[in-house]
Structures are given as structure tokens and as C-alpha cells.
Protein backbone atom coordinates (compact mmCIF):
# COMPACT_ATOMS: atom_id res chain seq x y z
CA MET A 1 16.40 -8.50 -21.29
CA LYS A 2 14.13 -9.76 -18.53
CA ASN A 3 12.68 -7.43 -15.93
CA SER A 4 11.30 -8.15 -12.45
CA VAL A 5 7.75 -7.83 -11.14
CA ILE A 6 6.26 -8.37 -7.70
CA THR A 7 3.58 -11.02 -8.15
CA GLY A 8 2.60 -11.62 -4.53
CA THR A 9 2.98 -10.14 -1.06
CA GLY A 10 2.37 -11.22 2.51
CA CYS A 11 3.06 -10.07 6.04
CA TYR A 12 2.81 -11.21 9.62
CA ILE A 13 1.78 -8.71 12.29
CA PRO A 14 2.48 -9.99 15.83
CA THR A 15 -0.41 -10.22 18.25
CA ILE A 16 0.90 -8.44 21.37
CA VAL A 17 -0.10 -4.77 21.36
CA GLN A 18 2.35 -2.63 23.34
CA GLU A 19 0.75 0.78 23.89
CA ASN A 20 2.74 3.87 24.85
CA ALA A 21 1.12 3.89 28.29
CA LYS A 22 2.86 0.60 29.08
CA PHE A 23 6.18 2.46 29.23
CA SER A 24 4.98 4.72 32.04
CA GLU A 25 6.55 2.51 34.73
CA HIS A 26 9.95 2.23 33.00
CA GLN A 27 12.92 4.00 34.53
CA PHE A 28 14.59 5.67 31.56
CA LEU A 29 18.25 6.61 31.94
CA ASN A 30 20.72 8.66 29.93
CA ALA A 31 23.60 6.85 28.25
CA ASP A 32 25.79 7.73 31.28
CA GLY A 33 23.28 6.13 33.66
CA THR A 34 21.85 9.33 35.09
CA PRO A 35 18.06 9.69 35.32
CA PHE A 36 16.03 12.06 33.16
CA PRO A 37 14.69 15.16 34.87
CA SER A 38 11.41 14.85 32.92
CA SER A 39 8.55 12.61 33.99
CA ASN A 40 7.72 9.50 31.99
CA ASP A 41 4.42 11.06 30.93
CA SER A 42 6.20 14.01 29.33
CA ILE A 43 8.85 11.74 27.76
CA ILE A 44 6.14 9.54 26.22
CA GLU A 45 4.10 12.52 25.00
CA LYS A 46 7.12 14.10 23.32
CA PHE A 47 8.06 10.74 21.82
CA LYS A 48 4.60 10.38 20.28
CA SER A 49 4.63 13.92 18.87
CA ILE A 50 7.95 13.29 17.09
CA THR A 51 7.68 9.69 15.93
CA GLY A 52 3.91 9.38 15.54
CA ILE A 53 4.02 6.02 17.30
CA GLU A 54 1.02 5.30 19.54
CA GLU A 55 1.55 1.56 19.88
CA ARG A 56 3.70 -1.20 18.46
CA ARG A 57 3.52 -4.99 18.05
CA TYR A 58 5.60 -7.61 19.85
CA ALA A 59 5.88 -11.29 19.01
CA THR A 60 4.75 -13.87 21.56
CA ALA A 61 7.51 -15.64 23.48
CA ASP A 62 7.13 -18.87 21.49
CA LEU A 63 7.94 -17.20 18.15
CA SER A 64 11.29 -16.11 16.71
CA ALA A 65 12.16 -14.01 13.65
CA SER A 66 12.34 -17.13 11.47
CA ASP A 67 8.77 -18.05 12.50
CA LEU A 68 7.49 -14.60 11.59
CA ALA A 69 9.39 -14.82 8.29
CA PHE A 70 7.84 -18.20 7.52
CA PHE A 71 4.30 -16.93 8.14
CA ALA A 72 4.85 -13.94 5.82
CA ALA A 73 6.49 -16.17 3.21
CA GLU A 74 3.55 -18.59 3.19
CA LYS A 75 1.18 -15.71 2.51
CA ALA A 76 3.32 -14.26 -0.29
CA ILE A 77 3.66 -17.65 -1.97
CA ALA A 78 -0.10 -18.21 -1.80
CA ASN A 79 -0.82 -14.69 -3.03
CA ALA A 80 1.49 -15.17 -6.03
CA ASN A 81 0.17 -18.69 -6.62
CA VAL A 82 3.67 -20.08 -7.21
CA ASN A 83 5.12 -23.51 -6.49
CA PRO A 84 7.80 -23.12 -3.78
CA GLU A 85 9.87 -25.78 -5.53
CA GLU A 86 10.29 -23.36 -8.45
CA LEU A 87 11.93 -20.67 -6.34
CA ASP A 88 15.51 -19.96 -7.37
CA TYR A 89 16.33 -17.82 -4.33
CA ILE A 90 15.13 -17.12 -0.82
CA ILE A 91 16.70 -13.84 0.28
CA LEU A 92 16.03 -12.95 3.90
CA ALA A 93 16.87 -9.60 5.47
CA HIS A 94 17.27 -9.32 9.25
CA ASN A 95 19.79 -7.89 11.69
CA PHE A 96 19.80 -10.01 14.84
CA GLY A 97 18.75 -13.53 13.85
CA ASP A 98 16.53 -15.65 16.07
CA VAL A 99 16.59 -14.02 19.50
CA LYS A 100 14.82 -16.44 21.81
CA ARG A 101 14.23 -14.04 24.71
CA PRO A 102 15.02 -10.43 25.67
CA GLY A 103 18.73 -9.89 26.17
CA ALA A 104 19.73 -13.24 24.64
CA GLN A 105 22.33 -13.59 21.91
CA GLY A 106 20.93 -13.92 18.41
CA ASP A 107 21.08 -17.35 16.78
CA MET A 108 22.08 -17.23 13.10
CA LEU A 109 23.30 -20.75 12.42
CA PRO A 110 21.86 -22.08 10.20
CA SER A 111 20.89 -18.93 8.34
CA ILE A 112 17.38 -17.61 8.88
CA ALA A 113 16.70 -18.06 5.15
CA THR A 114 17.67 -21.72 5.44
CA ARG A 115 15.29 -22.12 8.38
CA VAL A 116 12.46 -20.70 6.29
CA LYS A 117 13.31 -23.01 3.39
CA HIS A 118 13.22 -25.91 5.86
CA ARG A 119 9.83 -24.83 7.21
CA LEU A 120 8.50 -24.55 3.65
CA GLN A 121 9.78 -28.12 3.07
CA ILE A 122 11.40 -27.18 -0.26
CA GLU A 123 13.37 -30.13 -1.63
CA ASN A 124 14.94 -28.36 -4.63
CA PRO A 125 18.67 -27.92 -3.80
CA ASN A 126 18.94 -25.27 -6.52
CA CYS A 127 16.75 -22.97 -4.43
CA VAL A 128 19.53 -20.92 -2.83
CA ALA A 129 18.76 -19.48 0.61
CA TYR A 130 20.85 -16.76 2.21
CA ASP A 131 20.61 -13.83 4.63
CA ILE A 132 21.27 -10.12 4.20
CA LEU A 133 22.58 -8.02 7.10
CA PHE A 134 22.02 -4.54 5.68
CA GLY A 135 20.19 -2.60 8.37
CA CYS A 136 16.64 -1.39 7.80
CA PRO A 137 17.09 -1.19 3.98
CA GLY A 138 17.65 -4.97 3.85
CA TRP A 139 14.33 -5.98 2.27
CA ILE A 140 14.61 -3.39 -0.50
CA GLU A 141 18.19 -4.51 -1.11
CA GLY A 142 16.93 -8.09 -1.40
CA VAL A 143 14.53 -7.00 -4.14
CA ILE A 144 17.42 -5.20 -5.87
CA GLN A 145 19.53 -8.36 -5.71
CA ALA A 146 16.67 -10.49 -7.05
CA GLN A 147 16.33 -8.04 -9.94
CA ALA A 148 20.06 -8.42 -10.68
CA PHE A 149 19.79 -12.23 -10.69
CA ILE A 150 16.82 -12.09 -13.03
CA LYS A 151 18.50 -9.65 -15.42
CA ALA A 152 21.58 -11.88 -15.44
CA GLY A 153 19.44 -14.82 -16.48
CA ILE A 154 20.27 -16.96 -13.44
CA ALA A 155 16.88 -16.69 -11.74
CA LYS A 156 13.21 -16.55 -12.64
CA LYS A 157 11.52 -16.52 -9.25
CA ALA A 158 12.67 -15.31 -5.86
CA LEU A 159 11.19 -14.96 -2.39
CA ILE A 160 12.36 -11.85 -0.51
CA ILE A 161 11.59 -11.53 3.21
CA GLY A 162 12.25 -8.98 5.91
CA ALA A 163 11.79 -10.18 9.50
CA GLU A 164 12.84 -8.91 12.91
CA THR A 165 12.08 -9.17 16.64
CA LEU A 166 13.58 -5.90 17.84
CA SER A 167 11.63 -6.03 21.10
CA ARG A 168 14.21 -8.58 22.29
CA VAL A 169 17.28 -6.45 21.61
CA VAL A 170 16.13 -3.17 23.17
CA ASP A 171 17.39 -1.73 26.45
CA ASN A 172 14.38 -0.94 28.63
CA ARG A 173 16.41 1.84 30.29
CA ASP A 174 16.75 3.59 26.92
CA ARG A 175 14.01 5.93 25.64
CA ASP A 176 14.72 4.70 22.13
CA SER A 177 13.33 1.30 23.13
CA MET A 178 9.87 2.76 22.50
CA ILE A 179 10.58 3.07 18.77
CA PHE A 180 11.16 -0.57 17.96
CA SER A 181 8.78 -3.43 17.21
CA ASP A 182 8.50 -6.89 15.65
CA GLY A 183 7.11 -8.10 12.34
CA ALA A 184 7.73 -9.68 8.94
CA GLY A 185 6.90 -8.90 5.34
CA ALA A 186 7.59 -10.80 2.13
CA CYS A 187 7.12 -10.74 -1.62
CA ILE A 188 7.61 -12.93 -4.66
CA VAL A 189 9.61 -11.39 -7.51
CA GLU A 190 9.33 -13.02 -10.94
CA ALA A 191 10.88 -12.49 -14.36
CA THR A 192 8.83 -10.78 -17.03
CA ASP A 193 9.36 -9.85 -20.68
CA ASP A 194 7.49 -6.59 -20.09
CA ASN A 195 10.17 -3.94 -19.62
CA GLY A 196 7.50 -1.30 -19.10
CA SER A 197 6.55 -2.61 -15.66
CA GLY A 198 8.25 -3.89 -12.53
CA VAL A 199 11.60 -2.60 -11.26
CA LEU A 200 12.65 0.41 -13.32
CA SER A 201 15.76 1.58 -11.48
CA HIS A 202 17.47 1.75 -8.12
CA ALA A 203 20.19 3.43 -6.08
CA THR A 204 22.12 1.99 -3.12
CA GLN A 205 24.73 3.70 -0.97
CA THR A 206 26.83 2.99 2.13
CA PHE A 207 28.27 5.84 4.21
CA ALA A 208 30.89 4.52 6.62
CA LYS A 209 33.71 7.06 7.03
CA GLU A 210 32.00 9.05 9.78
CA GLU A 211 28.61 7.35 9.92
CA ALA A 212 29.37 3.65 10.45
CA TYR A 213 28.46 3.62 14.15
CA TYR A 214 25.37 5.84 14.17
CA LEU A 215 23.57 2.57 14.96
CA PHE A 216 25.50 0.04 17.01
CA SER A 217 25.32 -2.68 19.66
CA GLY A 218 26.05 -1.41 23.16
CA LYS A 219 25.56 -2.18 26.83
CA SER A 220 22.54 -1.10 28.85
CA ASN A 221 22.23 2.43 30.21
CA ASP A 222 21.90 0.76 33.61
CA ALA A 223 25.42 0.58 35.08
CA ASN A 224 24.38 -2.42 37.19
CA SER A 225 23.37 -4.53 34.19
CA ASP A 226 25.34 -7.41 32.71
CA PRO A 227 28.09 -5.77 30.57
CA GLU A 228 28.17 -8.83 28.30
CA LYS A 229 24.60 -8.25 27.15
CA LEU A 230 24.37 -5.91 24.17
CA TYR A 231 21.38 -3.94 22.91
CA ILE A 232 20.51 -1.88 19.86
CA LYS A 233 21.69 1.70 20.33
CA MET A 234 21.52 4.74 18.09
CA LEU A 235 22.64 8.34 17.81
CA GLY A 236 19.18 9.66 17.04
CA ARG A 237 20.02 13.27 16.18
CA LYS A 238 22.87 12.28 13.87
CA ILE A 239 20.66 9.70 12.11
CA TYR A 240 17.91 12.29 11.68
CA GLU A 241 20.23 14.88 10.15
CA PHE A 242 22.00 12.27 7.99
CA SER A 243 18.71 10.93 6.66
CA LEU A 244 17.27 14.34 5.80
CA THR A 245 20.39 15.19 3.82
CA ASN A 246 21.10 11.93 2.03
CA VAL A 247 17.89 9.93 1.52
CA PRO A 248 16.22 12.51 -0.77
CA LEU A 249 19.37 12.58 -2.92
CA ALA A 250 19.41 8.78 -3.27
CA MET A 251 15.73 8.84 -4.21
CA LYS A 252 16.51 11.44 -6.88
CA ILE A 253 19.37 9.31 -8.26
CA ALA A 254 17.00 6.35 -8.61
CA LEU A 255 14.26 8.44 -10.20
CA ASP A 256 16.66 10.09 -12.64
CA LYS A 257 17.84 6.64 -13.79
CA SER A 258 14.26 5.54 -14.45
CA ASP A 259 13.42 8.26 -17.02
CA VAL A 260 10.17 8.76 -15.11
CA GLY A 261 9.14 12.29 -14.19
CA ILE A 262 8.48 13.37 -10.63
CA ASP A 263 4.81 14.04 -11.42
CA ALA A 264 4.33 10.37 -12.33
CA ILE A 265 5.08 9.19 -8.79
CA LYS A 266 1.87 8.02 -7.11
CA LYS A 267 3.19 6.69 -3.81
CA ILE A 268 6.37 6.62 -1.74
CA PHE A 269 6.77 3.53 0.45
CA ILE A 270 9.40 4.73 2.90
CA HIS A 271 10.86 2.89 5.88
CA GLN A 272 8.60 3.54 8.86
CA ALA A 273 11.24 4.94 11.18
CA ASN A 274 9.90 8.23 12.49
CA GLU A 275 6.87 10.10 11.17
CA LYS A 276 8.39 13.58 11.35
CA MET A 277 11.63 12.37 9.73
CA ASP A 278 9.81 10.56 6.93
CA GLU A 279 7.64 13.59 6.21
CA ALA A 280 10.72 15.82 6.07
CA ILE A 281 12.53 13.39 3.74
CA VAL A 282 9.62 13.35 1.30
CA LYS A 283 9.29 17.15 1.38
CA ARG A 284 13.00 17.56 0.67
CA PHE A 285 12.81 15.01 -2.15
CA TYR A 286 10.09 16.99 -3.91
CA LYS A 287 11.93 20.23 -3.21
CA LEU A 288 14.85 18.90 -5.31
CA PHE A 289 12.43 19.10 -8.26
CA LYS A 290 11.02 22.45 -7.11
CA LYS A 291 7.73 20.74 -6.27
CA GLU A 292 5.46 20.39 -3.28
CA ALA A 293 4.83 16.88 -1.96
CA PRO A 294 1.29 15.80 -2.99
CA GLU A 295 -1.13 15.08 -0.19
CA GLY A 296 -1.42 11.37 0.57
CA VAL A 297 1.70 10.38 -1.39
CA MET A 298 3.25 8.68 1.66
CA PRO A 299 1.27 5.80 3.25
CA MET A 300 2.00 5.34 6.95
CA ASN A 301 1.41 2.56 9.45
CA ILE A 302 3.99 3.51 12.06
CA HIS A 303 1.27 4.83 14.39
CA LYS A 304 0.06 1.32 15.19
CA LEU A 305 2.99 -0.91 14.22
CA GLY A 306 6.12 1.02 15.23
CA ASN A 307 9.51 0.52 13.60
CA SER A 308 10.09 -3.15 12.71
CA SER A 309 13.24 -2.42 10.67
CA VAL A 310 13.43 -4.59 7.53
CA ALA A 311 9.75 -5.54 7.88
CA THR A 312 8.27 -2.03 7.67
CA VAL A 313 8.31 -1.51 3.89
CA PRO A 314 7.06 -4.97 2.79
CA THR A 315 4.39 -4.93 5.53
CA LEU A 316 3.22 -1.46 4.45
CA LEU A 317 3.14 -2.58 0.81
CA ASP A 318 1.08 -5.66 1.61
CA LEU A 319 -1.40 -3.67 3.70
CA VAL A 320 -1.88 -1.04 0.98
CA LEU A 321 -2.29 -3.66 -1.76
CA ASN A 322 -4.94 -5.36 0.37
CA GLY A 323 -6.86 -2.17 1.10
CA GLN A 324 -5.98 -2.10 4.80
CA ILE A 325 -4.58 1.44 4.93
CA LYS A 326 -7.32 4.07 4.81
CA ASP A 327 -7.42 6.21 1.64
CA GLN A 328 -4.33 4.49 0.21
CA GLU A 329 -4.23 2.31 -2.89
CA VAL A 330 -2.18 1.62 -6.00
CA ALA A 331 -3.48 0.69 -9.45
CA LYS A 332 -2.03 -0.92 -12.54
CA GLY A 333 0.30 1.53 -14.23
CA ASP A 334 1.13 3.44 -11.04
CA VAL A 335 4.79 4.31 -10.43
CA VAL A 336 6.02 4.22 -6.84
CA ILE A 337 9.29 4.64 -4.98
CA PHE A 338 10.53 2.39 -2.18
CA ALA A 339 13.16 3.97 0.07
CA SER A 340 14.95 3.17 3.31
CA VAL A 341 17.83 4.16 5.57
CA GLY A 342 19.48 2.27 8.39
CA ALA A 343 22.51 0.75 10.06
CA GLY A 344 25.64 0.87 8.00
CA MET A 345 24.79 3.66 7.35
CA ASN A 346 22.98 2.30 4.30
CA ILE A 347 20.48 3.98 2.01
CA ASN A 348 18.57 2.62 -0.95
CA ALA A 349 15.72 3.61 -3.23
CA LEU A 350 13.88 1.68 -5.91
CA VAL A 351 11.49 2.92 -8.61
CA TYR A 352 8.74 0.44 -9.45
CA LYS A 353 5.82 0.41 -11.89
CA PHE A 354 2.77 -1.74 -11.19
């Protein structure tokens, strides 16, 4: 039975640098519209201490999510040295489509994957392009789906992309707006006869009985704003507690399926959502095996890039593979875990051997 290997990666990091200090003039409001008693300086300082975010990247006004996705896709295709006409699938994870300007409705027709296929000028009609709306775990889920297609014998090569422009769906009156950023990451997944490398196992879960609306679209905290305009909203404390409880368990499920021991894990590429949360998740994961998390096991780029949702994991992977994250690298034979949590509430984890 065929297995799946990542043969190329690419990312696009937007050019606008939005530093924390640039939020000092914002008027942050509670969800009920009342002002915070704390000063912006103290709000920003506390935000940095919890999330680790010092700055984030925003896309220029002339670019949409599909543009960012195309740029990342081009790089991944070149890195893998594949002919785009030989792609069987283009799987594109996003959440809001092409948002042309802040506060505008997302455009998703045609699909963002179709727009990328068009930009790549792929003629092959058997290259199937479709979108995934799966919250922040969307890119990892795309890799899982590509693996399924390859194991089923209906695909040999797939392009998986995660792209988002969250800066255009945030409410500037909401403190949480400081978390989000823009970006895109992509990879090529190809079939291989080597069952000792590539995707070894995975776990995916959706919690919706109580958790479905921990992340949701809602109106601005400013009571005078247009009620028809919706922004990304989240119940931060509930997401934090949910993630700490459930993500380590999903990671363990995936690892147990792989027949790989915990000591073999070299790196954990986790969704760059919140530095303190990610550190706690990894510590709890190792605690399930009565182990301490090794130093340096979790690469991070959230400090400079913020939370770009589906783009965080593929962007982080590309930067590590290209030696752009200090003191972080992977070598042939290394086993890593990819993991993410996000709107849905969805969780997934994937064990991979280089």
C-alpha cells in the first residue's frame, strides 16, 4: 500500500509589520460595549506576556487570501520540482475566503482552490480543486485527506495550502484582534512505496455538543457599528481550557497508532495560537507518558508572525526546513508531530517521519 511523503514546501509572509505598539491608540471595549479600566499599555503588555506575540504580518490591500495561497503554492511546486499538470488534487484550507477589505463579506465563489488552479494555469481537468472549512486545523486535515486519497489509489500527487487574511475580519474594538495575522503555507504530498517514511498515523476529532460556538462570527463590541458586519470572535478562556484538556489526548491517540515511542519524537509543529497555551499543551502531552518535554522540541514563530490560522503550521514547517528558525532543524529519519486546534471545535494530530 502506498504511503505519503512531503516533497516540497513553500510559504508567503506578508510585508506589512504590525507591531504591538500600533495598538496603543485603539479603544478596546468589552463584549457589552463598556470600556476597559486598564490602560492600553497594560493591556498590550499582558497580551504579550501570555501569547508571546510581539508583532504580526498583514497583507497589503491589493492582495487577497487566494493571492497569498498562489504565492505559497508556486514555491512549494518549485521546491518539489513537480509539474503542476500532474497534480491530482489542490486542497485549500481557509475560513473566510477572499476578503477584499476590512469588514467586507468574504468571497468564496468560485472556491479559493479553483482560483489558485486558475492562477497556476493548470489545464488538466482531472486536477480536482476544493476548499476545506475546518478552522485552524484545516491544513493538517488537508494533508490527512491527501494521504487517504493516496492510500486509496486515486491520487499520486496533491498540493495542500493553508491561507488566510484574518486582519480583515477582526474587530478593532476587541482585544483579541491583536492575536490574528495573515499568511499562507503550502506543501506537495506525493505517493511513495516506502512505508517507513512519510505519514505514519493521525487523529481527528470534532467537539460540538457544548463547544461548537467557542469561535464564532459576531458583531463589533462597538454598539454604534453596523450590526450587519460580522467579525471573528472567541471565548478565549474556554478555548484555552478545552485545548489543554483535549489536544494532548489527540496527540497521544495519533502517536499510539504509529507504533513510535515518545522518545523518538524530535519536533512538535503545533498551531501557533498562543505561546503559553502551546507550551502547556506540549507539557501535558509528555506528562501522559510520564516524561518531561525536551528542550527545543517545539519550534515557534508566533513572536513575529502572530496567529495566521491555517497558515501557521505549514509556514513554520517551511521556515524550519529552510533553516530560518534559530536552533531548529529536522533531519532524514526524524519523527515529528503536527497538531492543531480551532473552530468547530476541531482537533487533529499527525505523526510524520522524514
